[in-house]
């Protein structure tokens, strides 16, 4: 381990999945592993924790999940490009859709393979990410009625991810009402997929409207936090992931740059506070590997100052003891930090954590 390492604890992920599924009786939880690029151990932990399905937005990841033979349906969590239709039908059991052109392409691909393909029709309830508008439902259903190889399995929505819209009894109640209308039109019951991890706050508070029968949960299982408040959900582990990186420089430096200030490497004009000379450290990890703003140091007295492509700059003046070159510092990563670290080929992924972070970490 010469460079940065992302430690992954599958047991804590399994525990979190099991606890969330226990607290959501009657709800089908699709476990979402896309933040870890469908890491095999993470996917297995989700299934062992009780999620009756797995979802990902990328076909490359779904192909890896398919090879694992985990025995649960695989969901494509992004409306497919029509050009992907044949691979989608071969790889995914369920697709989230919002465009008729994509559905028609899936119909043709499924017909060529003499099989059915199941879809979840996504409804935009205000977050402005994917989904048809509610008034388009009847027309969309009429078009689906002409297809023979596509089965409408349910209606779904996505909230909070883009527009920050919080799930409520009102907007999810609207989804249930739309699903009832769709059931009347198609003549069979439908799954009502009421969003993602952001819906858990409402569900745990007992406010989930009757009729919601499914959720797609990733971040709250993996990181143990609410995606509405970013505070821990009681009873869940918040340290299933830990980033570790080596110190490659440590010396006293001014806290204010000297010279004419222009843009940094990423087009931003940095702003600094003059705190006088400070003991500063650099870790061998940067924006190409991780979102530095999403790192919480586990050692008291260490502050993340910023990062370039390959260097993480820290103020370690108040750390006891002071770190030295060659030491490895540990951080709790946010969702964005786990995402980038999982994607970076320069970050080694290791199963199991070297320390227990829950007691040492500051409250999220």
Protein backbone atom coordinates (compact mmCIF):
# COMPACT_ATOMS: atom_id res chain seq x y z
CA UNK A 1 0.00 0.00 0.00
CA UNK A 2 2.23 2.81 -1.26
CA UNK A 3 -0.53 5.12 -2.43
CA UNK A 4 -4.06 6.01 -1.35
CA UNK A 5 -6.35 3.20 -0.23
CA UNK A 6 -10.12 3.01 0.04
CA UNK A 7 -10.99 0.55 2.81
CA UNK A 8 -14.38 -1.14 2.39
CA UNK A 9 -16.08 -3.06 5.21
CA UNK A 10 -18.69 -5.42 3.69
CA UNK A 11 -19.91 -6.57 7.12
CA UNK A 12 -21.02 -3.06 8.05
CA UNK A 13 -22.71 -2.64 4.67
CA UNK A 14 -24.52 -5.95 5.19
CA UNK A 15 -25.58 -4.87 8.68
CA UNK A 16 -26.94 -1.57 7.34
CA UNK A 17 -28.85 -3.29 4.54
CA UNK A 18 -30.37 -5.77 6.97
CA UNK A 19 -31.41 -3.02 9.39
CA UNK A 20 -33.00 -0.86 6.70
CA UNK A 21 -34.88 -3.81 5.20
CA UNK A 22 -36.07 -4.75 8.71
CA UNK A 23 -37.41 -1.24 9.26
CA UNK A 24 -39.26 -1.21 5.92
CA UNK A 25 -41.67 -4.15 6.05
CA UNK A 26 -43.62 -4.54 2.84
CA UNK A 27 -41.13 -2.45 0.84
CA UNK A 28 -38.96 -4.03 -1.86
CA UNK A 29 -35.52 -2.44 -1.46
CA UNK A 30 -33.34 -2.37 -4.55
CA UNK A 31 -29.76 -2.07 -3.32
CA UNK A 32 -27.73 0.44 -5.32
CA UNK A 33 -23.97 -0.14 -5.56
CA UNK A 34 -23.18 2.33 -8.34
CA UNK A 35 -21.14 4.64 -6.08
CA UNK A 36 -18.59 1.83 -5.74
CA UNK A 37 -18.70 0.92 -9.45
CA UNK A 38 -20.60 -2.24 -8.44
CA UNK A 39 -17.73 -3.59 -6.35
CA UNK A 40 -18.41 -7.35 -6.06
CA UNK A 41 -18.06 -7.42 -2.27
CA UNK A 42 -20.43 -4.47 -1.88
CA UNK A 43 -23.03 -6.03 -4.18
CA UNK A 44 -22.79 -9.32 -2.31
CA UNK A 45 -23.18 -7.54 1.03
CA UNK A 46 -26.34 -5.81 -0.18
CA UNK A 47 -27.90 -9.11 -1.24
CA UNK A 48 -26.83 -10.87 1.96
CA UNK A 49 -28.39 -7.98 3.86
CA UNK A 50 -31.75 -8.74 2.30
CA UNK A 51 -32.17 -6.46 -0.71
CA UNK A 52 -34.28 -8.39 -3.26
CA UNK A 53 -32.75 -6.53 -6.21
CA UNK A 54 -29.63 -4.64 -7.31
CA UNK A 55 -29.46 -1.49 -9.38
CA UNK A 56 -26.83 0.46 -11.29
CA UNK A 57 -26.83 3.21 -13.90
CA UNK A 58 -24.12 1.76 -16.11
CA UNK A 59 -24.28 -1.32 -18.28
CA UNK A 60 -20.60 -2.08 -17.65
CA UNK A 61 -21.38 -2.45 -13.96
CA UNK A 62 -24.52 -4.47 -14.60
CA UNK A 63 -22.51 -6.89 -16.73
CA UNK A 64 -20.18 -7.44 -13.78
CA UNK A 65 -23.16 -8.00 -11.49
CA UNK A 66 -24.66 -10.46 -13.97
CA UNK A 67 -21.45 -12.51 -13.93
CA UNK A 68 -21.67 -12.75 -10.13
CA UNK A 69 -24.91 -14.75 -10.34
CA UNK A 70 -26.27 -13.22 -7.15
CA UNK A 71 -29.77 -14.52 -7.79
CA UNK A 72 -31.66 -11.21 -7.70
CA UNK A 73 -33.13 -9.05 -10.49
CA UNK A 74 -30.83 -6.37 -11.92
CA UNK A 75 -32.19 -2.88 -12.53
CA UNK A 76 -30.82 -0.36 -15.01
CA UNK A 77 -31.29 2.94 -13.17
CA UNK A 78 -30.97 5.22 -16.18
CA UNK A 79 -33.23 5.51 -19.21
CA UNK A 80 -31.30 3.73 -21.97
CA UNK A 81 -30.06 5.15 -25.21
CA UNK A 82 -32.02 3.28 -27.92
CA UNK A 83 -28.68 2.14 -29.34
CA UNK A 84 -28.11 0.16 -26.13
CA UNK A 85 -31.39 -1.73 -26.35
CA UNK A 86 -30.04 -5.16 -27.23
CA UNK A 87 -27.45 -5.08 -24.46
CA UNK A 88 -30.00 -3.74 -21.97
CA UNK A 89 -32.36 -6.64 -22.70
CA UNK A 90 -29.48 -9.10 -22.39
CA UNK A 91 -28.15 -7.62 -19.16
CA UNK A 92 -30.92 -5.99 -17.12
CA UNK A 93 -34.18 -7.48 -15.87
CA UNK A 94 -35.79 -4.09 -15.26
CA UNK A 95 -35.15 -0.67 -16.81
CA UNK A 96 -36.19 2.78 -15.67
CA UNK A 97 -37.61 4.58 -18.72
CA UNK A 98 -39.01 7.95 -19.69
CA UNK A 99 -38.74 8.03 -23.50
CA UNK A 100 -40.92 6.16 -25.96
CA UNK A 101 -38.09 5.86 -28.47
CA UNK A 102 -36.11 3.91 -25.88
CA UNK A 103 -39.11 1.72 -25.04
CA UNK A 104 -39.73 0.94 -28.72
CA UNK A 105 -36.08 -0.03 -29.13
CA UNK A 106 -36.34 -2.30 -26.09
CA UNK A 107 -39.48 -3.85 -27.60
CA UNK A 108 -37.65 -4.66 -30.83
CA UNK A 109 -34.66 -6.10 -28.99
CA UNK A 110 -36.86 -8.20 -26.71
CA UNK A 111 -38.89 -9.46 -29.66
CA UNK A 112 -35.70 -10.57 -31.38
CA UNK A 113 -34.84 -12.58 -28.28
CA UNK A 114 -38.40 -13.85 -27.72
CA UNK A 115 -38.55 -12.56 -24.18
CA UNK A 116 -40.29 -9.93 -22.08
CA UNK A 117 -38.51 -6.90 -20.70
CA UNK A 118 -39.88 -5.14 -17.62
CA UNK A 119 -39.88 -1.37 -17.25
CA UNK A 120 -40.50 1.19 -14.51
CA UNK A 121 -42.04 4.34 -15.97
CA UNK A 122 -40.45 7.32 -14.25
CA UNK A 123 -42.54 10.37 -13.32
CA UNK A 124 -40.98 13.80 -12.72
CA UNK A 125 -42.58 15.15 -9.54
CA UNK A 126 -40.54 18.34 -9.41
CA UNK A 127 -36.86 17.41 -9.03
CA UNK A 128 -36.27 17.98 -12.77
CA UNK A 129 -34.15 14.93 -13.33
CA UNK A 130 -35.60 11.98 -15.30
CA UNK A 131 -39.28 11.26 -15.88
CA UNK A 132 -42.33 12.17 -17.91
CA UNK A 133 -44.59 14.92 -16.64
CA UNK A 134 -47.72 13.66 -14.82
CA UNK A 135 -50.08 14.93 -17.53
CA UNK A 136 -48.28 12.74 -20.09
CA UNK A 137 -49.17 9.48 -18.32
CA UNK A 138 -52.30 8.53 -20.27
CA UNK A 139 -50.67 9.07 -23.66
CA UNK A 140 -47.60 7.08 -22.65
CA UNK A 141 -49.73 4.21 -21.38
CA UNK A 142 -51.68 4.17 -24.64
CA UNK A 143 -48.43 3.76 -26.57
CA UNK A 144 -47.31 0.98 -24.26
CA UNK A 145 -50.55 -0.84 -24.94
CA UNK A 146 -49.41 -1.41 -28.51
CA UNK A 147 -46.26 -3.27 -27.43
CA UNK A 148 -46.09 -7.02 -26.83
CA UNK A 149 -42.62 -7.58 -25.41
CA UNK A 150 -42.62 -4.79 -22.82
CA UNK A 151 -44.23 -5.29 -19.42
CA UNK A 152 -45.01 -2.23 -17.34
CA UNK A 153 -43.82 -3.38 -13.90
CA UNK A 154 -44.38 -0.13 -12.06
CA UNK A 155 -44.16 3.63 -11.74
CA UNK A 156 -41.29 5.40 -10.04
CA UNK A 157 -39.86 8.78 -9.25
CA UNK A 158 -36.53 10.29 -8.31
CA UNK A 159 -36.26 13.11 -5.80
CA UNK A 160 -33.46 15.13 -4.17
CA UNK A 161 -30.63 14.00 -6.49
CA UNK A 162 -30.72 17.04 -8.79
CA UNK A 163 -33.21 19.65 -7.68
CA UNK A 164 -32.93 18.84 -3.97
CA UNK A 165 -36.71 18.30 -3.72
CA UNK A 166 -37.53 16.46 -0.49
CA UNK A 167 -39.92 13.48 -0.60
CA UNK A 168 -43.17 14.29 1.18
CA UNK A 169 -46.51 12.62 1.76
CA UNK A 170 -47.90 15.01 -0.88
CA UNK A 171 -45.54 14.34 -3.79
CA UNK A 172 -45.29 10.61 -3.09
CA UNK A 173 -49.07 10.54 -2.64
CA UNK A 174 -49.32 11.96 -6.14
CA UNK A 175 -47.14 9.09 -7.39
CA UNK A 176 -49.47 6.57 -5.74
CA UNK A 177 -52.51 8.23 -7.33
CA UNK A 178 -50.85 8.09 -10.75
CA UNK A 179 -50.03 4.41 -10.18
CA UNK A 180 -53.66 3.64 -9.38
CA UNK A 181 -54.72 5.29 -12.64
CA UNK A 182 -52.06 3.30 -14.50
CA UNK A 183 -53.25 0.05 -12.90
CA UNK A 184 -56.78 0.74 -14.12
CA UNK A 185 -55.41 1.28 -17.62
CA UNK A 186 -53.16 -1.81 -17.82
CA UNK A 187 -55.33 -4.15 -15.75
CA UNK A 188 -52.78 -5.38 -13.24
CA UNK A 189 -51.02 -4.25 -10.08
CA UNK A 190 -47.88 -2.16 -10.26
CA UNK A 191 -44.82 -1.63 -8.11
CA UNK A 192 -44.67 1.95 -6.86
CA UNK A 193 -40.99 2.85 -6.48
CA UNK A 194 -41.00 5.91 -4.24
CA UNK A 195 -37.50 7.20 -4.75
CA UNK A 196 -34.10 6.68 -3.22
CA UNK A 197 -32.31 7.12 0.10
CA UNK A 198 -33.86 10.56 0.59
CA UNK A 199 -37.24 8.88 1.14
CA UNK A 200 -35.99 7.07 4.25
CA UNK A 201 -36.43 10.10 6.52
CA UNK A 202 -40.12 10.15 5.70
CA UNK A 203 -40.42 6.36 5.91
CA UNK A 204 -38.68 6.08 9.29
CA UNK A 205 -40.90 8.87 10.64
CA UNK A 206 -44.00 6.88 9.65
CA UNK A 207 -45.06 9.36 6.99
CA UNK A 208 -44.72 7.20 3.89
CA UNK A 209 -48.10 7.22 2.11
CA UNK A 210 -49.82 3.84 1.75
CA UNK A 211 -49.21 2.39 -1.68
CA UNK A 212 -45.45 2.96 -1.89
CA UNK A 213 -44.09 -0.56 -2.35
CA UNK A 214 -40.47 -0.09 -3.38
CA UNK A 215 -37.39 2.09 -2.84
CA UNK A 216 -33.95 2.24 -4.45
CA UNK A 217 -31.41 2.65 -1.64
CA UNK A 218 -27.68 3.25 -2.01
CA UNK A 219 -26.08 6.00 0.07
CA UNK A 220 -28.02 5.38 3.28
CA UNK A 221 -27.05 1.72 3.27
CA UNK A 222 -23.43 2.35 2.35
CA UNK A 223 -22.73 5.43 4.49
CA UNK A 224 -25.48 5.18 7.10
CA UNK A 225 -26.63 8.78 6.70
CA UNK A 226 -29.71 10.70 5.67
CA UNK A 227 -29.30 12.20 2.21
CA UNK A 228 -31.61 15.04 3.24
CA UNK A 229 -29.67 16.16 6.34
CA UNK A 230 -26.40 14.19 5.97
CA UNK A 231 -26.79 13.21 9.62
CA UNK A 232 -26.47 9.57 10.73
CA UNK A 233 -29.52 7.35 10.76
CA UNK A 234 -29.70 5.80 14.26
CA UNK A 235 -28.61 2.20 14.34
CA UNK A 236 -26.53 2.34 11.16
CA UNK A 237 -22.78 2.22 10.65
CA UNK A 238 -21.30 5.43 9.23
CA UNK A 239 -17.77 4.06 8.76
CA UNK A 240 -18.11 1.29 6.19
CA UNK A 241 -15.61 3.25 4.08
CA UNK A 242 -12.34 4.89 5.02
CA UNK A 243 -9.76 6.60 2.84
CA UNK A 244 -6.10 6.34 3.80
CA UNK A 245 -3.29 8.31 2.16
CA UNK A 246 0.45 8.73 2.83
CA UNK A 247 2.08 11.97 3.95
CA UNK A 248 4.71 12.98 1.41
CA UNK A 249 5.62 16.42 2.79
CA UNK A 250 5.33 18.08 6.19
CA UNK A 251 6.83 21.49 7.02
CA UNK A 252 6.00 24.94 8.38
CA UNK A 253 4.73 27.29 5.68
CA UNK A 254 2.88 30.62 5.51
CA UNK A 255 -0.90 30.25 5.42
CA UNK A 256 -1.18 33.04 2.81
CA UNK A 257 0.26 32.66 -0.70
CA UNK A 258 2.89 35.18 -1.78
CA UNK A 259 2.50 36.86 -5.17
CA UNK A 260 -0.21 37.82 -7.67
CA UNK A 261 -3.24 35.51 -7.35
CA UNK A 262 -4.90 34.17 -10.51
CA UNK A 263 -6.96 31.04 -11.17
CA UNK A 264 -5.95 27.69 -9.78
CA UNK A 265 -5.61 24.56 -11.93
CA UNK A 266 -9.39 24.12 -11.99
CA UNK A 267 -10.36 27.64 -13.00
CA UNK A 268 -11.21 28.94 -9.53
CA UNK A 269 -9.74 31.96 -7.78
CA UNK A 270 -8.72 30.68 -4.33
CA UNK A 271 -9.39 32.64 -1.17
CA UNK A 272 -7.09 32.33 1.86
CA UNK A 273 -7.07 33.52 5.48
CA UNK A 274 -3.78 34.66 6.94
CA UNK A 275 -3.26 32.57 10.10
CA UNK A 276 0.48 33.05 10.17
CA UNK A 277 2.99 30.23 9.76
CA UNK A 278 1.39 26.79 10.14
CA UNK A 279 2.64 23.23 10.04
CA UNK A 280 1.32 21.96 6.73
CA UNK A 281 1.23 18.45 5.31
CA UNK A 282 0.63 17.05 1.85
CA UNK A 283 -0.91 13.63 1.24
CA UNK A 284 -0.47 11.75 -2.02
CA UNK A 285 -4.08 11.95 -3.19
CA UNK A 286 -5.88 14.67 -5.12
CA UNK A 287 -8.89 15.72 -7.13
CA UNK A 288 -8.19 13.08 -9.73
CA UNK A 289 -8.88 10.55 -6.99
CA UNK A 290 -11.31 12.08 -4.52
CA UNK A 291 -13.52 15.06 -3.68
CA UNK A 292 -11.37 16.76 -1.02
CA UNK A 293 -14.33 18.69 0.42
CA UNK A 294 -15.86 15.30 1.25
CA UNK A 295 -13.03 14.13 3.49
CA UNK A 296 -13.33 14.27 7.29
CA UNK A 297 -9.96 13.65 9.01
CA UNK A 298 -10.12 11.08 11.77
CA UNK A 299 -7.22 12.63 13.68
CA UNK A 300 -8.23 15.66 15.80
CA UNK A 301 -6.50 18.88 14.86
CA UNK A 302 -6.16 18.12 11.14
CA UNK A 303 -7.99 20.39 8.70
CA UNK A 304 -8.35 19.85 4.95
CA UNK A 305 -7.23 23.08 3.27
CA UNK A 306 -7.71 22.04 -0.36
CA UNK A 307 -6.29 19.97 -3.17
CA UNK A 308 -4.73 20.04 -6.60
CA UNK A 309 -4.93 17.12 -9.03
CA UNK A 310 -2.51 14.98 -7.05
CA UNK A 311 -1.92 16.69 -3.69
CA UNK A 312 -4.17 16.98 -0.64
CA UNK A 313 -3.12 19.98 1.48
CA UNK A 314 -3.69 19.82 5.22
CA UNK A 315 -3.20 22.12 8.19
CA UNK A 316 -1.75 19.85 10.88
CA UNK A 317 -0.54 22.51 13.31
CA UNK A 318 -2.99 21.42 16.02
CA UNK A 319 -2.58 17.65 15.54
CA UNK A 320 -1.09 15.67 18.42
CA UNK A 321 1.29 14.16 17.62
CA UNK A 322 2.31 15.98 14.47
CA UNK A 323 2.35 13.69 11.44
CA UNK A 324 5.62 12.89 9.73
CA UNK A 325 6.55 11.99 6.17
CA UNK A 326 5.65 8.34 5.63
CA UNK A 327 2.73 8.37 8.06
CA UNK A 328 -0.65 7.39 6.66
CA UNK A 329 -3.61 9.59 7.54
CA UNK A 330 -7.21 8.40 7.57
CA UNK A 331 -10.41 10.14 6.51
CA UNK A 332 -14.11 9.35 6.49
CA UNK A 333 -15.29 9.98 2.89
CA UNK A 334 -18.62 11.47 1.85
CA UNK A 335 -20.73 9.99 -0.95
CA UNK A 336 -18.92 12.12 -3.53
CA UNK A 337 -15.55 11.12 -2.12
CA UNK A 338 -16.45 7.41 -2.20
CA UNK A 339 -17.67 7.86 -5.78
CA UNK A 340 -14.45 9.41 -7.05
CA UNK A 341 -12.18 7.14 -5.02
CA UNK A 342 -14.04 4.08 -6.33
CA UNK A 343 -13.71 5.33 -9.89
CA UNK A 344 -10.03 6.31 -9.69
CA UNK A 345 -7.63 3.56 -10.81
CA UNK A 346 -4.99 5.18 -8.61
CA UNK A 347 -6.82 4.36 -5.37
CA UNK A 348 -6.37 0.80 -4.17
CA UNK A 349 -9.53 -0.88 -2.88
CA UNK A 350 -9.05 -3.07 0.19
CA UNK A 351 -11.71 -5.07 2.04
CA UNK A 352 -11.91 -4.46 5.77
CA UNK A 353 -10.88 -1.35 7.70
CA UNK A 354 -7.65 -1.00 9.64
CA UNK A 355 -9.31 0.98 12.45
CA UNK A 356 -12.79 1.50 13.84
CA UNK A 357 -13.71 4.95 12.69
CA UNK A 358 -17.05 5.42 14.42
CA UNK A 359 -15.64 6.34 17.83
CA UNK A 360 -12.81 8.48 16.45
CA UNK A 361 -14.78 10.40 13.84
CA UNK A 362 -16.43 13.74 14.53
CA UNK A 363 -20.21 13.75 14.29
CA UNK A 364 -21.42 14.12 10.72
